[in-house]
Amino acid sequence: MQRTSTPSLRRQRALVPVLVSLGLLVAIVSSLGAPLIPTIAATRHVPVSDAQWSLTVTMLVGAIATPTMGRLGDGPHRRKVMLAGLAAVLVGSVLAALPLGFAWLIAGRALQGFGIGLTPLAMATARDALPPERARSAVTTLSLTAAVGVGLGYPVTGLVAEAFGVHAGFWLAAAAAGLALVAAAVVLPPPPRRRAHRLDVLGAVLLAAGLAGLLFALTQGEGWGWTSARLLGLAAGSALLLVWWVLHELRTPHPLVDVRLVRDRAVLAADLTGVIAGVGMYLLMSSVTRFVQTPTSAGHGFGASIVVTGLVLVPFSVASLAAGWLVRALNRVLPLGRIMLIGCLVSLVSALSFVFARDHLWQVFATMAVAGLGIGVTVAVMPGLIVSAVPAEETGSAMSFNHVVKYVGYSTGSALSAVVLLAHTGPGRDLPSNDGYGTVGLVACGVWVVTALLGLLLLRSRGSGARTAVAVDAGDAGPAPLREDGPARPVRADR
């Protein structure tokens, strides 16, 4: 008996590190294009607005693939889906690394987007395979890897790319994906025995077409004209496809995403906050990475190398990680709704800082630290709100949909930053004006104000029942689970 149980025990102990490594890999690979965008534009001889697609396409594919992977992962095929996702990341990394041309680079980055669907499946795996205390800690740590991995991956990738060329960064991603694939094949447990349902293929197609059409319309606005017939037609057609998708999901017996779950105000708040906060996050992040690399001859920017650009984002990741402990402490005295509002307000401060204080590099470092704290707090609250409101068998799907909306926000923010900066690039010029970056910051301010107001409205009017959520705890052995309404006490009037 001892011989048979020991390997199983070792696999369980290795499960959390492997799941976290998957989350970090996804974060690093999905955002790999951001600090390399100016370099890709220069080496591939394409406009910076086109090079921006090396970041945007990954987010877009991730937003489309994640709900499909999440629904498959709620059944008996979770392990196979996770291994297939890792294999797609590996192939995409190799394609992006090979000197095959810009189109192949974009194709490789698109394949890497399938890795984005791994994080919600990793959360579902942790919840099913681990004891409750370890599961709470693992789920929270995984929820923060998207923010933490950005700051960890950018400087390393930048150092490799600067020393060995832009392709070396993608070779590094390929090596990491290969190691993760081997580790996952050894450690991932079989999923719980649940009935498998037919995949909602029509739902997947409608979602993909609707999201892709809207994002493409956004990126083409400056070139086609914001009031052109084909732009308005594409946007309207894409919106109708998404409406059809929602109606289809409500009618089909086994939907790709159970949109009925969104009727719960906690889930709705987490999803709306996720998509709008994602826009604000990548508006700032995409713009900062371009701003610090802008040559000083333009009258603004710092002419920073890829390595320095990566280091600018390290405070973002450190602060995001610290946000996990901050949320745990705040939840002892505050409900999750108020903590989410605090995260939005802190993010608003970071956007204001970018508008008014970007004359010195240290100011940009400070701005990113504040942004990381605000984003980290906001993101850390979301799993608790969702898990408290959905049944266990729907966790993978609900978490996947939350990842969908977040990455829709990321891709929209990435594309929107390019649109705003392009609008502030004069005829015959390659670089946007300094006012363009200020405009991006102001747009981000508006995004965070809307996010805070929506979260406040939805969570204040929610029912008063106290329910325990899977903890948001960045530690390895978190204490009491986070409560949706804070610690046990009389119901507050603002609930």
Foldseek 3Di string as FASTA:
>chain_A
DVVVVVLVVVLVVCLLVLLLLLLLLLLLLLQVQQLCLVVCCVVQVHASLVSLLLNLLLLLLLLLQQLLLLLQLLAQCNLVSQLVLLVLLLVLLVQLLDPPHDVSVSVSSNSSSSSLNSLLSSLLQLVQPDDQQQSLQSNQSSLLSNFQSLLVNQLVLLVQCVVPNNSRSSVVSNVSSVVSSVSSVSRRDGGDHDDRDDRPVLLSVLVSQLLVLLLVLLLCCVVQPVPHPVSVVSNVVSVVSVVVSVVVLPPDPRHSFNCVLCVALLLVLLQVLLQLVLLLLQLVLSLQSVQQCDDCVLVGHPVDGSNVSSNLQNLLNVLLLVLLVVLLVVLQPFALLVQLLVLLVLLLVLLVLQLPPRRDSVSSSVSSNSNSNSVSSNSLSNQQSSQQRDDSSCSSSSVSNSSSSNSSNNSNNSSNSSVLQVVQADPPGSGGHPVSSSVSSVVSSVSSVVSSVSSQVSLQPHDQDKTFGSANHNDSRDDGRRINGGDDDDGDNSD
